[in-house]
Amino acid sequence: MVSVVRSAIILVLTMGLFLALSGLCYPEDESEIMSPRIRRLQERLGRAYSGTGGWPVTNFLEENNGKFPLIEDSLVTFVYHGAVGLRATVPSDINRWDTKTREMTRLGRTNLYYLTLTMPMDARIDYKFYVDRLWMLDPLNARTITGGFGDNSEFSMPDYVPPSEIAEAMFPQRGTVDVHEFTSDILPSTRKIQVYMPYGSRPDSTGVAANPGPYPVVFVQDGGEYITLASMVNVLDNIIRRGRIPPIIAVFIDPFDRNYEYWLNADYERLLIEEIMPFIRVRYDVSTRPDDTAIMGASLGGAISFMIAMNHPEIFGMCGSQSGAFEVDDGKLLMQAEESPKQLVDFYIDCGKFGDLLSENRRMQTILTEKGYRLKYQEFNEGHSWGNWRAHIDDMLVFFWGRRGER
């Protein structure tokens, strides 16, 4: 019971933080838009009411089976079929998961409800239905994606390009993952650390590694979720195999108390540098050069990664942030970037355009650009989600270590 209550509190705090920090942006209210297919259905219903139209809703659902939500050029139409007592809404990346907006419209006297929106042609969105105060996946859409709080329905527009590099590698030259239980004295706790070793890095039967180190290394916050929700091991296998980056080691670090540790916590910074890094360097052949050492994370994980890199450019020559929560602690990171001398750190930053932390990420881009940092900055028509972040891990790693033509 205690763990359930604690999980609920963490969910509320996390969503509260996200809503408080969210800048723009999502499409304005478009409740008057009607899909052409819904309009044709409405016309068929008119004939049915007059006794000449058959079973239009049943036929409509059968005709479009496997096609929901309906995509018509730049329009997306969500459809719910069932009884609604109070209201049905579509919380999503688009409206920051607000259950009170994006209300669906009932079509005539039927039990079919719809919501049509205009979307960019390359958008990809997580969403759910909220019907009479109950969350549910879209019953008409079999496509789901796992997010930080469970499964969501998802859709993508016609120009969206799925990230092929997240698929499990189908070749034998794949890396391996070691699992460690790590106990900290600085922040008394035990957490999981997983270490990805590229193919050829381990000694063979002769005692010699095919690809000896030292290896570049990246330290990943929310490590377990980057493995399970972002498929980062698959990404590493695929882009190393394709020669887009050299073999690297990745250290996936799980938080013990995420909101506490990642909220610009100096003790977590000490834990990483004074405890975890020595632990890794004793056991693995990793480079100690700053231009071989990166740190990365998403949201609060991106914020703490940024802080650590700025404070320790003698260790980390590269930092990656996805939807970084740069406004935490009254914008301390933005002020640090603005007021401190330029550090020898390269930065990769990306962010979604829908309900994400866009304004502060744009501000950070402006600051770093004016300071003359080497920076790759990207925005995508997606939200604050693992479906967004996983699709751009390769962009980050190639920017850090890729072939000269791809950087």
Foldseek 3Di string as FASTA:
>chain_A
DVVVVVVVVVVVVVLVLLLVLFDDDADDDDQVDDDPLVVVLLVLVVCVVVPRRPDSVVVSLVVCQQCPQPADPQKTKHKDADDADDWKAKQWLRASRDRPPRTWDDRDPHRMTMGMDGAPQQAKMWIWMQGPNDTGERPRHPAWAAWPVGITHMDGHPPHDAQPLLDADPDPQAWDKDWDFDADPLPGDTWIKIKTFGGQDAQDPVGHGNDHDQFQEEEEELQVCCVVRLSVSSNLRVCCVVQFFPGHMYIRTYDPSPVVLLLLDVSVLCCVPVPVVVVDVVPHNHDQAQLRYEYEYEASSLCNRLVSCLVCSRRHQEYEYELYSCCHPNNPSLVCLQPDQDGNHAYEYEYENRSTSPPVSVSSVVSCVVNPHHYHYYYYPYGRTSSVVSSCPSVRNSSSGGDPVSD
